[in-house]
Amino acid sequence: MQVKPEMSVQIPVRNGGGKFRRSLLSLARQRTDGIPWELVIIDDGSTVPVEKEFDLSFPEHVGVNVLRREGPGNRPISRNMGWQSASADVSFLSDGDILFPENILLKHILAHRTGLSDVIMGARVNAWMEDASPWQKWLDTRGMDGKSAGPFPPRYFVTGNISLRTSLLEEAGGFDGKIDHYGGEDTEFGFRLARGKPRLYWDPELEVYHLDSITVREHSRKMVEYGGTGLRYTLKKIPESGGMLGTDWVRPLFSKPASPLRIIMRMLVRVSQIPAIYRAVLRWMERFGKPSFLFTYLSVGGCLMGYRGRNFE
């Protein structure tokens, strides 16, 4: 008789390459004290099907299920395929470029057993190598970094190292497949999830390591894409997301409230969006990597530029 898994690890992947191979290897080495779990891989239209390219040999107490969807790729739809096929009461939502410490799944399982929370999110560390760049170190200051263990706001909901009751995914309506460009599906889902008032818990001691080599310039391009797609869509769909990422500052100059200070700030933000200025800062940070607050300018500025239908290139 097959034992029901206690956790379902769900990973959408498209042409995962060497990073996904390392992720699989670290998952195969998980120590869960014999607690059964399952791995659901959603092959999101990879050129070579996952089952043909990767070794999917896992211990006996791990069930492996590979789903495949054809087409250009859609992460939200792939994520929905994952939890909809899950056999476990708890879903662990991750990605194909994550290196998993050997006890991370056990820690999530035991945390859920305590009934401490409905949603448990750990840290996704970018600057985990000794030669980490200033850029990678800055990435680790985003979101919940530096916050003590405790409740977290829904706008910080992010996949990679997060587990929740599978039923919550269904109750919230799953991820929105209309967000079919880079970014935003996690945040949009987090706002809808919070409407059911689940307990959201952040534990910075639960760490995984991000196998991400994206450059500052690539990140800027992605932020422009996100601003013009997922961010814009979320702001229209989710009332409680209003003003996210400084979007209030790019409203019409004299829109209410229109105090002198607000008008000045809106003008300054517009100046900061001039492509020539943005490109100059980008070149500086690519070369020197400091001061770190300019990474924030590049990231948020890219989002706002895309939100306004503009680009820096």
Protein backbone atom coordinates (compact mmCIF):
# COMPACT_ATOMS: atom_id res chain seq x y z
CA MET A 1 0.00 0.00 0.00
CA GLN A 2 1.45 3.37 -1.03
CA VAL A 3 1.89 5.84 1.83
CA LYS A 4 0.51 9.34 1.34
CA PRO A 5 3.32 11.91 1.05
CA GLU A 6 3.47 14.57 3.73
CA MET A 7 4.79 17.28 1.44
CA SER A 8 4.57 17.96 -2.29
CA VAL A 9 7.56 19.82 -3.74
CA GLN A 10 6.50 21.53 -6.97
CA ILE A 11 8.96 22.93 -9.48
CA PRO A 12 8.08 24.45 -12.87
CA VAL A 13 11.05 24.37 -15.21
CA ARG A 14 11.80 25.28 -18.80
CA ASN A 15 15.19 24.32 -20.28
CA GLY A 16 16.66 24.03 -16.79
CA GLY A 17 20.18 23.03 -17.81
CA GLY A 18 22.97 22.66 -15.29
CA LYS A 19 21.21 24.65 -12.58
CA PHE A 20 18.23 22.32 -12.58
CA ARG A 21 20.58 19.33 -12.54
CA ARG A 22 22.17 20.67 -9.35
CA SER A 23 18.73 21.34 -7.88
CA LEU A 24 17.66 17.75 -8.54
CA LEU A 25 20.82 16.37 -7.01
CA SER A 26 20.33 18.40 -3.82
CA LEU A 27 16.70 17.23 -3.62
CA ALA A 28 17.72 13.59 -4.03
CA ARG A 29 20.00 14.03 -0.98
CA GLN A 30 17.24 15.33 1.29
CA ARG A 31 17.08 13.76 4.74
CA THR A 32 13.51 13.58 5.98
CA ASP A 33 13.93 10.75 8.52
CA GLY A 34 11.97 8.49 6.22
CA ILE A 35 8.97 10.83 6.01
CA PRO A 36 7.49 10.31 2.53
CA TRP A 37 7.29 13.27 0.15
CA GLU A 38 6.73 13.78 -3.54
CA LEU A 39 8.39 15.81 -6.25
CA VAL A 40 6.14 17.27 -8.95
CA ILE A 41 8.08 18.64 -11.91
CA ILE A 42 6.11 20.72 -14.37
CA ASP A 43 7.98 20.73 -17.66
CA ASP A 44 6.90 24.09 -19.07
CA GLY A 45 7.60 23.38 -22.74
CA SER A 46 11.31 22.54 -22.52
CA THR A 47 13.01 21.92 -25.87
CA VAL A 48 14.15 18.51 -24.61
CA PRO A 49 11.57 16.91 -22.27
CA VAL A 50 12.72 16.77 -18.64
CA GLU A 51 12.40 12.98 -18.47
CA LYS A 52 14.83 12.58 -21.36
CA GLU A 53 17.44 15.06 -20.16
CA PHE A 54 17.70 14.60 -16.39
CA ASP A 55 18.31 11.77 -13.95
CA LEU A 56 15.12 11.42 -11.90
CA SER A 57 16.35 8.63 -9.62
CA PHE A 58 15.17 9.26 -6.06
CA PRO A 59 14.96 7.23 -2.84
CA GLU A 60 12.01 4.86 -2.42
CA HIS A 61 10.14 7.16 -0.04
CA VAL A 62 10.03 9.90 -2.69
CA GLY A 63 7.42 9.82 -5.42
CA VAL A 64 8.32 11.60 -8.67
CA ASN A 65 5.67 12.89 -11.04
CA VAL A 66 6.52 14.78 -14.24
CA LEU A 67 3.84 16.83 -15.97
CA ARG A 68 4.35 18.53 -19.31
CA ARG A 69 2.65 21.39 -21.04
CA GLU A 70 3.46 22.53 -24.54
CA GLY A 71 3.81 26.06 -25.81
CA PRO A 72 5.91 29.14 -25.12
CA GLY A 73 5.82 28.78 -21.35
CA ASN A 74 3.59 30.15 -18.62
CA ARG A 75 4.83 29.82 -15.04
CA PRO A 76 1.53 30.64 -13.29
CA ILE A 77 -0.31 27.97 -15.26
CA SER A 78 2.50 25.49 -14.62
CA ARG A 79 2.37 26.23 -10.89
CA ASN A 80 -1.37 25.56 -10.93
CA MET A 81 -0.79 22.23 -12.65
CA GLY A 82 1.58 21.36 -9.83
CA TRP A 83 -0.69 21.93 -6.84
CA GLN A 84 -3.71 20.57 -8.68
CA SER A 85 -1.92 17.23 -9.06
CA ALA A 86 -0.46 17.20 -5.54
CA SER A 87 -1.14 14.24 -3.26
CA ALA A 88 0.06 15.95 -0.07
CA ASP A 89 -1.76 18.35 2.25
CA VAL A 90 1.24 20.71 2.18
CA SER A 91 2.78 22.15 -0.98
CA PHE A 92 6.34 23.45 -1.19
CA LEU A 93 6.64 25.91 -4.08
CA SER A 94 10.11 26.21 -5.51
CA ASP A 95 12.09 26.78 -8.71
CA GLY A 96 14.56 25.00 -10.92
CA ASP A 97 17.54 27.15 -9.91
CA ILE A 98 17.54 26.44 -6.17
CA LEU A 99 20.17 24.52 -4.19
CA PHE A 100 18.47 22.80 -1.24
CA PRO A 101 20.32 22.12 2.05
CA GLU A 102 19.82 18.47 2.96
CA ASN A 103 17.41 19.13 5.83
CA ILE A 104 15.30 21.99 4.45
CA LEU A 105 12.25 19.87 3.58
CA LEU A 106 12.30 18.22 7.00
CA LYS A 107 12.36 21.64 8.66
CA HIS A 108 9.31 22.75 6.68
CA ILE A 109 7.49 19.49 7.43
CA LEU A 110 8.15 19.74 11.17
CA ALA A 111 7.15 23.41 11.21
CA HIS A 112 3.78 22.55 9.69
CA ARG A 113 3.31 19.71 12.17
CA THR A 114 3.42 22.23 15.01
CA GLY A 115 0.46 24.09 13.54
CA LEU A 116 2.43 27.32 13.95
CA SER A 117 1.25 28.74 10.64
CA ASP A 118 -0.61 28.04 7.42
CA VAL A 119 2.18 29.50 5.26
CA ILE A 120 5.88 29.24 6.08
CA MET A 121 8.45 31.21 4.09
CA GLY A 122 12.20 30.96 4.41
CA ALA A 123 15.08 32.93 2.90
CA ARG A 124 16.32 32.54 -0.67
CA VAL A 125 19.98 33.56 -0.41
CA ASN A 126 21.79 34.99 -3.43
CA ALA A 127 25.13 35.96 -1.89
CA TRP A 128 26.02 32.54 -0.49
CA MET A 129 29.44 32.16 -2.13
CA GLU A 130 32.58 33.75 -0.72
CA ASP A 131 33.13 35.70 -3.93
CA ALA A 132 29.57 37.07 -4.02
CA SER A 133 29.33 40.38 -5.84
CA PRO A 134 27.98 43.65 -4.37
CA TRP A 135 25.00 43.13 -6.69
CA GLN A 136 24.18 39.70 -5.19
CA LYS A 137 24.59 41.07 -1.68
CA TRP A 138 22.18 43.89 -2.46
CA LEU A 139 19.60 41.38 -3.75
CA ASP A 140 19.61 39.75 -0.33
CA THR A 141 18.52 43.01 1.30
CA ARG A 142 15.16 42.94 -0.50
CA GLY A 143 11.88 41.71 0.90
CA MET A 144 12.07 40.29 4.42
CA ASP A 145 15.85 40.33 4.78
CA GLY A 146 16.97 41.34 8.25
CA LYS A 147 13.52 40.86 9.76
CA SER A 148 13.13 38.61 12.79
CA ALA A 149 11.01 35.48 12.61
CA GLY A 150 7.31 36.28 12.70
CA PRO A 151 4.33 37.23 10.52
CA PHE A 152 5.05 38.70 7.10
CA PRO A 153 2.93 40.95 4.84
CA PRO A 154 1.37 39.34 1.75
CA ARG A 155 3.19 41.65 -0.67
CA TYR A 156 6.39 39.75 0.26
CA PHE A 157 4.98 36.36 -0.73
CA VAL A 158 7.54 34.80 -3.04
CA THR A 159 8.07 31.26 -4.26
CA GLY A 160 11.38 29.43 -4.06
CA ASN A 161 11.35 28.55 -0.37
CA ILE A 162 7.74 28.65 0.76
CA SER A 163 5.29 25.98 1.92
CA LEU A 164 1.58 26.21 2.58
CA ARG A 165 -1.50 24.08 2.94
CA THR A 166 -2.44 22.88 -0.53
CA SER A 167 -6.09 23.74 0.10
CA LEU A 168 -5.13 27.43 0.40
CA LEU A 169 -3.95 27.45 -3.20
CA GLU A 170 -7.36 26.29 -4.35
CA GLU A 171 -9.26 28.63 -2.03
CA ALA A 172 -7.30 31.65 -3.29
CA GLY A 173 -7.87 30.69 -6.93
CA GLY A 174 -4.30 29.68 -7.75
CA PHE A 175 -1.87 31.77 -9.77
CA ASP A 176 -3.12 34.07 -12.50
CA GLY A 177 -2.16 32.76 -15.94
CA LYS A 178 -2.70 36.20 -17.46
CA ILE A 179 0.63 37.24 -15.95
CA ASP A 180 2.54 35.57 -18.76
CA HIS A 181 5.62 37.81 -18.78
CA TYR A 182 8.42 38.09 -16.23
CA GLY A 183 7.45 38.69 -12.62
CA GLY A 184 4.49 39.59 -10.49
CA GLU A 185 2.53 36.35 -10.22
CA ASP A 186 3.76 35.69 -6.67
CA THR A 187 2.87 39.16 -5.38
CA GLU A 188 -0.54 39.16 -7.05
CA PHE A 189 -1.32 35.75 -5.58
CA GLY A 190 -0.09 36.84 -2.14
CA PHE A 191 -2.63 39.66 -2.01
CA ARG A 192 -5.49 37.31 -2.91
CA LEU A 193 -4.24 34.66 -0.50
CA ALA A 194 -4.31 37.18 2.35
CA ARG A 195 -8.01 37.83 1.85
CA GLY A 196 -8.71 34.45 3.46
CA LYS A 197 -6.67 35.58 6.50
CA PRO A 198 -4.25 32.64 6.68
CA ARG A 199 -1.36 32.84 9.13
CA LEU A 200 1.78 33.88 7.23
CA TYR A 201 5.06 33.13 9.01
CA TRP A 202 8.60 34.13 8.07
CA ASP A 203 11.56 32.13 9.35
CA PRO A 204 14.96 33.50 8.21
CA GLU A 205 16.74 30.39 9.51
CA LEU A 206 15.14 28.30 6.76
CA GLU A 207 17.61 29.01 3.96
CA VAL A 208 17.99 27.81 0.39
CA TYR A 209 20.60 29.02 -2.09
CA HIS A 210 19.75 30.71 -5.37
CA LEU A 211 21.75 29.54 -8.38
CA ASP A 212 21.20 32.81 -10.18
CA SER A 213 23.84 34.55 -12.26
CA ILE A 214 21.70 37.38 -13.64
CA THR A 215 23.58 40.61 -14.27
CA VAL A 216 22.55 44.10 -13.20
CA ARG A 217 21.65 44.96 -16.79
CA GLU A 218 19.56 41.82 -17.24
CA HIS A 219 17.75 42.58 -14.01
CA SER A 220 16.99 46.10 -15.21
CA ARG A 221 15.50 44.70 -18.41
CA LYS A 222 13.36 42.31 -16.40
CA MET A 223 12.16 45.11 -14.14
CA VAL A 224 11.07 47.15 -17.16
CA GLU A 225 9.19 44.10 -18.43
CA TYR A 226 7.59 43.53 -15.02
CA GLY A 227 6.58 47.18 -14.69
CA GLY A 228 4.80 47.16 -18.03
CA THR A 229 3.08 43.81 -17.51
CA GLY A 230 2.69 42.14 -14.11
CA LEU A 231 2.91 45.31 -12.03
CA ARG A 232 0.46 47.24 -14.17
CA TYR A 233 -1.93 44.28 -14.23
CA THR A 234 -1.77 43.76 -10.45
CA LEU A 235 -2.44 47.43 -9.69
CA LYS A 236 -5.57 47.31 -11.84
CA LYS A 237 -6.81 44.01 -10.46
CA ILE A 238 -5.93 44.26 -6.75
CA PRO A 239 -7.18 47.43 -4.99
CA GLU A 240 -5.05 46.81 -1.91
CA SER A 241 -1.87 46.89 -4.02
CA GLY A 242 -2.27 50.61 -4.76
CA GLY A 243 0.94 52.64 -4.66
CA MET A 244 3.16 49.55 -4.77
CA LEU A 245 6.79 50.21 -5.76
CA GLY A 246 6.33 53.96 -5.75
CA THR A 247 3.73 54.03 -8.51
CA ASP A 248 1.99 56.92 -6.75
CA TRP A 249 4.99 59.09 -7.68
CA VAL A 250 4.36 58.71 -11.41
CA ARG A 251 0.76 59.87 -11.29
CA PRO A 252 0.00 63.16 -13.15
CA LEU A 253 1.95 66.02 -11.59
CA PHE A 254 -1.05 67.90 -10.22
CA SER A 255 -3.31 64.95 -9.37
CA LYS A 256 -4.71 65.03 -5.84
CA PRO A 257 -3.33 65.12 -3.26
CA ALA A 258 -1.11 67.75 -4.83
CA SER A 259 0.92 69.44 -2.12
CA PRO A 260 4.07 71.32 -3.21
CA LEU A 261 6.25 68.56 -1.78
CA ARG A 262 4.39 65.87 -3.72
CA ILE A 263 4.66 67.84 -6.95
CA ILE A 264 8.42 68.27 -6.44
CA MET A 265 8.82 64.54 -5.74
CA ARG A 266 6.87 63.62 -8.86
CA MET A 267 9.09 65.92 -10.89
CA LEU A 268 12.26 64.40 -9.40
CA VAL A 269 11.02 60.89 -10.14
CA ARG A 270 10.39 61.90 -13.74
CA VAL A 271 13.89 63.31 -14.04
CA SER A 272 15.30 60.05 -12.64
CA GLN A 273 13.45 58.22 -15.43
CA ILE A 274 15.32 60.01 -18.22
CA PRO A 275 16.92 57.14 -20.18
CA ALA A 276 20.32 58.82 -20.48
CA ILE A 277 20.54 59.26 -16.69
CA TYR A 278 19.39 55.70 -16.05
CA ARG A 279 21.95 54.28 -18.50
CA ALA A 280 24.75 56.32 -16.91
CA VAL A 281 23.92 54.98 -13.45
CA LEU A 282 23.65 51.46 -14.85
CA ARG A 283 27.12 51.67 -16.40
CA TRP A 284 28.55 53.04 -13.16
CA MET A 285 27.05 50.22 -11.06
CA GLU A 286 28.16 47.57 -13.53
CA ARG A 287 31.71 48.83 -13.14
CA PHE A 288 31.94 49.82 -9.47
CA GLY A 289 28.96 48.22 -7.66
CA LYS A 290 28.59 51.05 -5.16
CA PRO A 291 26.97 52.89 -3.49
CA SER A 292 24.43 50.11 -3.02
CA PHE A 293 21.38 52.42 -2.88
CA LEU A 294 21.83 52.93 -6.63
CA PHE A 295 20.88 49.28 -7.13
CA THR A 296 17.53 50.21 -5.55
CA TYR A 297 17.25 53.11 -7.98
CA LEU A 298 17.92 50.80 -10.93
CA SER A 299 15.43 48.17 -9.76
CA VAL A 300 12.53 50.43 -8.77
CA GLY A 301 13.32 52.86 -11.57
CA GLY A 302 13.15 50.06 -14.10
CA CYS A 303 9.74 49.00 -12.78
CA LEU A 304 8.38 52.55 -12.95
CA MET A 305 9.82 53.06 -16.41
CA GLY A 306 8.06 49.94 -17.67
CA TYR A 307 4.88 50.94 -15.85
CA ARG A 308 4.90 54.21 -17.78
CA GLY A 309 5.43 52.37 -21.06
CA ARG A 310 9.05 53.45 -21.43
CA ASN A 311 12.46 51.85 -21.61
CA PHE A 312 16.06 52.84 -20.94
CA GLU A 313 17.52 51.23 -24.07
